[in-house]
Amino acid sequence: KLMSVSDYFQRDYNELKQIETNIEADLKQRKEITSSSENTVRLEQQIFKQIDSFGKKVNEALKGYKMKYSKDPNMGENEANRRINLLNELQKSHQIQKKAYDQLINDKYQYKYDMSKYEGYHEREDMQNMDTRQLMDTHKNKLKNQDEQLGELVGVTKQGNKIATDLQENLGKQNVKLENLDKDIEKTEGQMVSTRTKFEEFIDKSNFCCLYIFIFIELAA
């Protein structure tokens, strides 16, 4: 038995209403996900495909049934308008759902933009899409990098200790040299004082000798 136009409409309308209901349920589920640790990519892709398919099917139904009803002599004008209005309501519903989906995506990327200012966010975001094996490999690589960094730090510390030890030894040697230099300076100063004293005594004696000679010459003249 062939379906009438009315039977086809009811079948197509029910199918579109079911898609509408599924989208509403998925949108609600997505809105309830607030934790950034939950992976929402797959659900968002599913919602996008359903909304896109829903919009195309509603537009095709409107175009097709308008043409059918214009050629169907058994379809009254009121009934045809009622059914077209039902499809128009689905079209409005599609637009509302698309707007809600776009808002979700905008909010998500705004959140990502805000969170990207914090250290480690991109790393957590990447880890959300990893399976257990990938997470373990990532963890092992991190531990390996940490070991290498610790090894480098230990090496730098040892080198710093050696430099500090060498510097301390050099400072000790310099202190000994400075102490010896102080002794030499004191000794030299003592010698200079002694020499100056002897020189002054020599000058004094020399002056008296010169005076005696001058007096002797005068007397002899």
C-alpha atoms as a PDB file:
ATOM      1  CA  LYS A   1       0.000   0.000   0.000  1.00  0.00           C
ATOM      2  CA  LEU A   2       1.409   3.410  -1.018  1.00  0.00           C
ATOM      3  CA  MET A   3       1.764   6.125   1.588  1.00  0.00           C
ATOM      4  CA  SER A   4      -0.239   9.286   1.105  1.00  0.00           C
ATOM      5  CA  VAL A   5       1.326  12.741   1.285  1.00  0.00           C
ATOM      6  CA  SER A   6      -0.019  12.997   4.817  1.00  0.00           C
ATOM      7  CA  ASP A   7       1.713   9.744   5.825  1.00  0.00           C
ATOM      8  CA  TYR A   8       5.029  10.938   4.464  1.00  0.00           C
ATOM      9  CA  PHE A   9       4.695  14.228   6.258  1.00  0.00           C
ATOM     10  CA  GLN A  10       3.999  12.569   9.587  1.00  0.00           C
ATOM     11  CA  ARG A  11       6.985  10.268   9.166  1.00  0.00           C
ATOM     12  CA  ASP A  12       9.335  13.101   8.202  1.00  0.00           C
ATOM     13  CA  TYR A  13       7.980  15.397  10.906  1.00  0.00           C
ATOM     14  CA  ASN A  14       8.457  12.733  13.587  1.00  0.00           C
ATOM     15  CA  GLU A  15      12.007  12.169  12.410  1.00  0.00           C
ATOM     16  CA  LEU A  16      12.774  15.895  12.603  1.00  0.00           C
ATOM     17  CA  LYS A  17      11.208  16.168  16.067  1.00  0.00           C
ATOM     18  CA  GLN A  18      13.383  13.280  17.247  1.00  0.00           C
ATOM     19  CA  ILE A  19      16.523  15.035  15.968  1.00  0.00           C
ATOM     20  CA  GLU A  20      15.374  18.206  17.730  1.00  0.00           C
ATOM     21  CA  THR A  21      14.904  16.282  20.986  1.00  0.00           C
ATOM     22  CA  ASN A  22      18.338  14.627  20.682  1.00  0.00           C
ATOM     23  CA  ILE A  23      20.012  17.968  20.122  1.00  0.00           C
ATOM     24  CA  GLU A  24      18.271  19.465  23.141  1.00  0.00           C
ATOM     25  CA  ALA A  25      19.468  16.574  25.301  1.00  0.00           C
ATOM     26  CA  ASP A  26      23.068  16.875  24.052  1.00  0.00           C
ATOM     27  CA  LEU A  27      23.084  20.647  24.542  1.00  0.00           C
ATOM     28  CA  LYS A  28      21.840  20.183  28.084  1.00  0.00           C
ATOM     29  CA  GLN A  29      24.518  17.570  28.764  1.00  0.00           C
ATOM     30  CA  ARG A  30      27.212  19.868  27.368  1.00  0.00           C
ATOM     31  CA  LYS A  31      26.027  22.811  29.473  1.00  0.00           C
ATOM     32  CA  GLU A  32      26.231  20.691  32.614  1.00  0.00           C
ATOM     33  CA  ILE A  33      29.915  19.966  31.974  1.00  0.00           C
ATOM     34  CA  THR A  34      31.769  22.670  33.861  1.00  0.00           C
ATOM     35  CA  SER A  35      35.030  20.924  34.745  1.00  0.00           C
ATOM     36  CA  SER A  36      37.861  21.749  32.347  1.00  0.00           C
ATOM     37  CA  SER A  37      39.281  18.250  32.826  1.00  0.00           C
ATOM     38  CA  GLU A  38      36.409  16.608  30.942  1.00  0.00           C
ATOM     39  CA  ASN A  39      36.851  16.088  27.239  1.00  0.00           C
ATOM     40  CA  THR A  40      33.974  17.772  25.390  1.00  0.00           C
ATOM     41  CA  VAL A  41      35.341  17.667  21.853  1.00  0.00           C
ATOM     42  CA  ARG A  42      33.527  14.494  20.794  1.00  0.00           C
ATOM     43  CA  LEU A  43      30.200  15.664  22.208  1.00  0.00           C
ATOM     44  CA  GLU A  44      30.573  19.068  20.550  1.00  0.00           C
ATOM     45  CA  GLN A  45      31.297  17.422  17.200  1.00  0.00           C
ATOM     46  CA  GLN A  46      28.208  15.263  17.609  1.00  0.00           C
ATOM     47  CA  ILE A  47      26.027  18.290  18.397  1.00  0.00           C
ATOM     48  CA  PHE A  48      27.424  20.221  15.436  1.00  0.00           C
ATOM     49  CA  LYS A  49      26.680  17.377  13.004  1.00  0.00           C
ATOM     50  CA  GLN A  50      23.151  16.956  14.346  1.00  0.00           C
ATOM     51  CA  ILE A  51      22.386  20.678  14.129  1.00  0.00           C
ATOM     52  CA  ASP A  52      23.784  20.878  10.610  1.00  0.00           C
ATOM     53  CA  SER A  53      21.787  17.824   9.500  1.00  0.00           C
ATOM     54  CA  PHE A  54      18.670  19.114  11.266  1.00  0.00           C
ATOM     55  CA  GLY A  55      18.827  22.466   9.463  1.00  0.00           C
ATOM     56  CA  LYS A  56      19.310  20.873   6.039  1.00  0.00           C
ATOM     57  CA  LYS A  57      16.441  18.426   6.514  1.00  0.00           C
ATOM     58  CA  VAL A  58      14.038  21.110   7.740  1.00  0.00           C
ATOM     59  CA  ASN A  59      14.846  23.332   4.757  1.00  0.00           C
ATOM     60  CA  GLU A  60      14.434  20.419   2.339  1.00  0.00           C
ATOM     61  CA  ALA A  61      11.117  19.467   3.940  1.00  0.00           C
ATOM     62  CA  LEU A  62       9.778  23.002   3.715  1.00  0.00           C
ATOM     63  CA  LYS A  63      10.750  23.310   0.086  1.00  0.00           C
ATOM     64  CA  GLY A  64       9.477  19.833  -0.828  1.00  0.00           C
ATOM     65  CA  TYR A  65       6.161  19.931   0.978  1.00  0.00           C
ATOM     66  CA  LYS A  66       5.334  23.421  -0.215  1.00  0.00           C
ATOM     67  CA  MET A  67       5.716  22.152  -3.739  1.00  0.00           C
ATOM     68  CA  LYS A  68       3.718  18.949  -3.030  1.00  0.00           C
ATOM     69  CA  TYR A  69       0.859  20.730  -1.340  1.00  0.00           C
ATOM     70  CA  SER A  70       0.587  23.209  -4.167  1.00  0.00           C
ATOM     71  CA  LYS A  71      -0.014  20.257  -6.528  1.00  0.00           C
ATOM     72  CA  ASP A  72      -2.188  18.107  -4.235  1.00  0.00           C
ATOM     73  CA  PRO A  73      -5.900  18.715  -4.969  1.00  0.00           C
ATOM     74  CA  ASN A  74      -6.949  16.695  -1.910  1.00  0.00           C
ATOM     75  CA  MET A  75      -5.000  18.869   0.554  1.00  0.00           C
ATOM     76  CA  GLY A  76      -7.024  21.723   1.978  1.00  0.00           C
ATOM     77  CA  GLU A  77      -5.389  25.112   2.333  1.00  0.00           C
ATOM     78  CA  ASN A  78      -5.813  25.222   6.106  1.00  0.00           C
ATOM     79  CA  GLU A  79      -4.243  21.792   6.617  1.00  0.00           C
ATOM     80  CA  ALA A  80      -1.384  22.615   4.261  1.00  0.00           C
ATOM     81  CA  ASN A  81      -0.711  25.872   6.121  1.00  0.00           C
ATOM     82  CA  ARG A  82      -0.834  24.081   9.482  1.00  0.00           C
ATOM     83  CA  ARG A  83       1.805  21.605   8.392  1.00  0.00           C
ATOM     84  CA  ILE A  84       4.005  24.288   6.842  1.00  0.00           C
ATOM     85  CA  ASN A  85       3.758  26.205  10.113  1.00  0.00           C
ATOM     86  CA  LEU A  86       4.926  23.110  11.986  1.00  0.00           C
ATOM     87  CA  LEU A  87       7.991  22.967   9.766  1.00  0.00           C
ATOM     88  CA  ASN A  88       8.541  26.703  10.256  1.00  0.00           C
ATOM     89  CA  GLU A  89       8.533  26.123  14.017  1.00  0.00           C
ATOM     90  CA  LEU A  90      11.187  23.437  13.556  1.00  0.00           C
ATOM     91  CA  GLN A  91      13.211  25.862  11.503  1.00  0.00           C
ATOM     92  CA  LYS A  92      13.036  28.424  14.326  1.00  0.00           C
ATOM     93  CA  SER A  93      14.018  25.702  16.779  1.00  0.00           C
ATOM     94  CA  HIS A  94      17.040  24.901  14.616  1.00  0.00           C
ATOM     95  CA  GLN A  95      18.127  28.538  14.659  1.00  0.00           C
ATOM     96  CA  ILE A  96      17.779  28.698  18.452  1.00  0.00           C
ATOM     97  CA  GLN A  97      19.795  25.502  18.904  1.00  0.00           C
ATOM     98  CA  LYS A  98      22.494  26.715  16.535  1.00  0.00           C
ATOM     99  CA  LYS A  99      22.743  29.974  18.474  1.00  0.00           C
ATOM    100  CA  ALA A 100      22.985  28.051  21.769  1.00  0.00           C
ATOM    101  CA  TYR A 101      25.734  25.844  20.315  1.00  0.00           C
ATOM    102  CA  ASP A 102      27.694  28.850  19.018  1.00  0.00           C
ATOM    103  CA  GLN A 103      27.448  30.459  22.446  1.00  0.00           C
ATOM    104  CA  LEU A 104      28.814  27.315  24.092  1.00  0.00           C
ATOM    105  CA  ILE A 105      31.791  27.258  21.753  1.00  0.00           C
ATOM    106  CA  ASN A 106      32.451  30.974  22.239  1.00  0.00           C
ATOM    107  CA  ASP A 107      32.336  30.550  26.008  1.00  0.00           C
ATOM    108  CA  LYS A 108      34.691  27.578  25.780  1.00  0.00           C
ATOM    109  CA  TYR A 109      37.319  29.418  23.776  1.00  0.00           C
ATOM    110  CA  GLN A 110      36.959  32.526  25.905  1.00  0.00           C
ATOM    111  CA  TYR A 111      37.620  30.321  28.922  1.00  0.00           C
ATOM    112  CA  LYS A 112      40.636  28.817  27.175  1.00  0.00           C
ATOM    113  CA  TYR A 113      41.919  32.285  26.363  1.00  0.00           C
ATOM    114  CA  ASP A 114      41.562  33.386  29.974  1.00  0.00           C
ATOM    115  CA  MET A 115      43.115  30.196  31.332  1.00  0.00           C
ATOM    116  CA  SER A 116      45.972  30.286  28.816  1.00  0.00           C
ATOM    117  CA  LYS A 117      47.508  33.017  30.943  1.00  0.00           C
ATOM    118  CA  TYR A 118      48.121  30.493  33.696  1.00  0.00           C
ATOM    119  CA  GLU A 119      51.176  28.255  33.616  1.00  0.00           C
ATOM    120  CA  GLY A 120      50.578  24.625  32.688  1.00  0.00           C
ATOM    121  CA  TYR A 121      47.102  25.090  31.192  1.00  0.00           C
ATOM    122  CA  HIS A 122      48.035  24.066  27.638  1.00  0.00           C
ATOM    123  CA  GLU A 123      49.782  21.002  28.993  1.00  0.00           C
ATOM    124  CA  ARG A 124      46.641  19.904  30.882  1.00  0.00           C
ATOM    125  CA  GLU A 125      44.529  20.597  27.797  1.00  0.00           C
ATOM    126  CA  ASP A 126      46.758  18.376  25.630  1.00  0.00           C
ATOM    127  CA  MET A 127      46.677  15.566  28.198  1.00  0.00           C
ATOM    128  CA  GLN A 128      42.879  15.401  28.032  1.00  0.00           C
ATOM    129  CA  ASN A 129      43.062  13.803  24.576  1.00  0.00           C
ATOM    130  CA  MET A 130      45.670  11.169  25.543  1.00  0.00           C
ATOM    131  CA  ASP A 131      45.011   7.518  26.260  1.00  0.00           C
ATOM    132  CA  THR A 132      46.562   5.647  29.208  1.00  0.00           C
ATOM    133  CA  ARG A 133      49.656   4.567  27.281  1.00  0.00           C
ATOM    134  CA  GLN A 134      50.337   8.072  26.059  1.00  0.00           C
ATOM    135  CA  LEU A 135      49.892   9.465  29.567  1.00  0.00           C
ATOM    136  CA  MET A 136      52.371   6.902  30.947  1.00  0.00           C
ATOM    137  CA  ASP A 137      54.905   7.720  28.231  1.00  0.00           C
ATOM    138  CA  THR A 138      54.492  11.418  28.931  1.00  0.00           C
ATOM    139  CA  HIS A 139      54.974  10.813  32.653  1.00  0.00           C
ATOM    140  CA  LYS A 140      58.123   8.735  32.013  1.00  0.00           C
ATOM    141  CA  ASN A 141      59.551  11.443  29.776  1.00  0.00           C
ATOM    142  CA  LYS A 142      58.890  14.025  32.456  1.00  0.00           C
ATOM    143  CA  LEU A 143      60.657  11.909  35.071  1.00  0.00           C
ATOM    144  CA  LYS A 144      63.582  11.402  32.700  1.00  0.00           C
ATOM    145  CA  ASN A 145      63.830  15.134  32.068  1.00  0.00           C
ATOM    146  CA  GLN A 146      63.668  15.810  35.791  1.00  0.00           C
ATOM    147  CA  ASP A 147      66.491  13.294  36.404  1.00  0.00           C
ATOM    148  CA  GLU A 148      68.598  14.974  33.732  1.00  0.00           C
ATOM    149  CA  GLN A 149      67.935  18.392  35.212  1.00  0.00           C
ATOM    150  CA  LEU A 150      68.814  17.125  38.702  1.00  0.00           C
ATOM    151  CA  GLY A 151      72.011  15.611  37.303  1.00  0.00           C
ATOM    152  CA  GLU A 152      72.960  18.927  35.746  1.00  0.00           C
ATOM    153  CA  LEU A 153      72.136  20.708  39.007  1.00  0.00           C
ATOM    154  CA  VAL A 154      74.339  18.302  40.984  1.00  0.00           C
ATOM    155  CA  GLY A 155      77.158  18.835  38.507  1.00  0.00           C
ATOM    156  CA  VAL A 156      76.863  22.601  38.796  1.00  0.00           C
ATOM    157  CA  THR A 157      76.782  22.323  42.598  1.00  0.00           C
ATOM    158  CA  LYS A 158      79.932  20.165  42.652  1.00  0.00           C
ATOM    159  CA  GLN A 159      81.679  22.558  40.326  1.00  0.00           C
ATOM    160  CA  GLY A 160      80.619  25.453  42.556  1.00  0.00           C
ATOM    161  CA  ASN A 161      81.945  23.659  45.620  1.00  0.00           C
ATOM    162  CA  LYS A 162      85.290  23.050  43.903  1.00  0.00           C
ATOM    163  CA  ILE A 163      85.542  26.689  42.909  1.00  0.00           C
ATOM    164  CA  ALA A 164      84.705  27.737  46.477  1.00  0.00           C
ATOM    165  CA  THR A 165      87.370  25.353  47.868  1.00  0.00           C
ATOM    166  CA  ASP A 166      90.001  26.624  45.440  1.00  0.00           C
ATOM    167  CA  LEU A 167      89.094  30.200  46.261  1.00  0.00           C
ATOM    168  CA  GLN A 168      89.375  29.493  49.983  1.00  0.00           C
ATOM    169  CA  GLU A 169      92.813  27.937  49.493  1.00  0.00           C
ATOM    170  CA  ASN A 170      93.954  30.902  47.414  1.00  0.00           C
ATOM    171  CA  LEU A 171      92.653  33.313  50.027  1.00  0.00           C
ATOM    172  CA  GLY A 172      94.563  31.358  52.713  1.00  0.00           C
ATOM    173  CA  LYS A 173      97.761  31.639  50.704  1.00  0.00           C
ATOM    174  CA  GLN A 174      97.164  35.325  50.108  1.00  0.00           C
ATOM    175  CA  ASN A 175      96.643  35.864  53.842  1.00  0.00           C
ATOM    176  CA  VAL A 176     100.004  34.181  54.575  1.00  0.00           C
ATOM    177  CA  LYS A 177     101.681  36.377  51.991  1.00  0.00           C
ATOM    178  CA  LEU A 178     100.041  39.487  53.453  1.00  0.00           C
ATOM    179  CA  GLU A 179     101.231  38.509  56.948  1.00  0.00           C
ATOM    180  CA  ASN A 180     104.791  38.033  55.641  1.00  0.00           C
ATOM    181  CA  LEU A 181     104.544  41.362  53.819  1.00  0.00           C
ATOM    182  CA  ASP A 182     103.486  43.085  57.051  1.00  0.00           C
ATOM    183  CA  LYS A 183     106.523  41.607  58.807  1.00  0.00           C
ATOM    184  CA  ASP A 184     108.815  42.739  55.980  1.00  0.00           C
ATOM    185  CA  ILE A 185     107.349  46.240  56.129  1.00  0.00           C
ATOM    186  CA  GLU A 186     107.839  46.429  59.886  1.00  0.00           C
ATOM    187  CA  LYS A 187     111.414  45.182  59.504  1.00  0.00           C
ATOM    188  CA  THR A 188     112.105  47.681  56.727  1.00  0.00           C
ATOM    189  CA  GLU A 189     110.613  50.525  58.734  1.00  0.00           C
ATOM    190  CA  GLY A 190     112.889  49.568  61.666  1.00  0.00           C
ATOM    191  CA  GLN A 191     115.897  49.534  59.396  1.00  0.00           C
ATOM    192  CA  MET A 192     114.948  52.910  57.919  1.00  0.00           C
ATOM    193  CA  VAL A 193     114.592  54.442  61.383  1.00  0.00           C
ATOM    194  CA  SER A 194     118.002  53.081  62.377  1.00  0.00           C
ATOM    195  CA  THR A 195     119.591  54.345  59.169  1.00  0.00           C
ATOM    196  CA  ARG A 196     118.061  57.795  59.581  1.00  0.00           C
ATOM    197  CA  THR A 197     119.368  58.008  63.121  1.00  0.00           C
ATOM    198  CA  LYS A 198     122.868  57.072  62.030  1.00  0.00           C
ATOM    199  CA  PHE A 199     122.692  59.564  59.145  1.00  0.00           C
ATOM    200  CA  GLU A 200     121.609  62.379  61.436  1.00  0.00           C
ATOM    201  CA  GLU A 201     124.431  61.541  63.844  1.00  0.00           C
ATOM    202  CA  PHE A 202     126.871  61.560  60.936  1.00  0.00           C
ATOM    203  CA  ILE A 203     125.635  64.974  59.812  1.00  0.00           C
ATOM    204  CA  ASP A 204     125.964  66.360  63.294  1.00  0.00           C
ATOM    205  CA  LYS A 205     129.525  65.064  63.596  1.00  0.00           C
ATOM    206  CA  SER A 206     130.386  66.313  60.147  1.00  0.00           C
ATOM    207  CA  ASN A 207     129.206  69.838  60.963  1.00  0.00           C
ATOM    208  CA  PHE A 208     131.429  70.013  64.089  1.00  0.00           C
ATOM    209  CA  CYS A 209     134.446  68.813  62.122  1.00  0.00           C
ATOM    210  CA  CYS A 210     133.888  71.467  59.453  1.00  0.00           C
ATOM    211  CA  LEU A 211     133.573  74.152  62.164  1.00  0.00           C
ATOM    212  CA  TYR A 212     136.860  73.057  63.809  1.00  0.00           C
ATOM    213  CA  ILE A 213     138.702  73.172  60.496  1.00  0.00           C
ATOM    214  CA  PHE A 214     137.342  76.671  59.713  1.00  0.00           C
ATOM    215  CA  ILE A 215     138.454  77.986  63.125  1.00  0.00           C
ATOM    216  CA  PHE A 216     141.867  76.429  62.720  1.00  0.00           C
ATOM    217  CA  ILE A 217     142.330  78.083  59.300  1.00  0.00           C
ATOM    218  CA  GLU A 218     141.293  81.485  60.649  1.00  0.00           C
ATOM    219  CA  LEU A 219     143.644  81.257  63.559  1.00  0.00           C
ATOM    220  CA  ALA A 220     146.498  80.186  61.368  1.00  0.00           C
ATOM    221  CA  ALA A 221     145.965  83.128  59.061  1.00  0.00           C
END
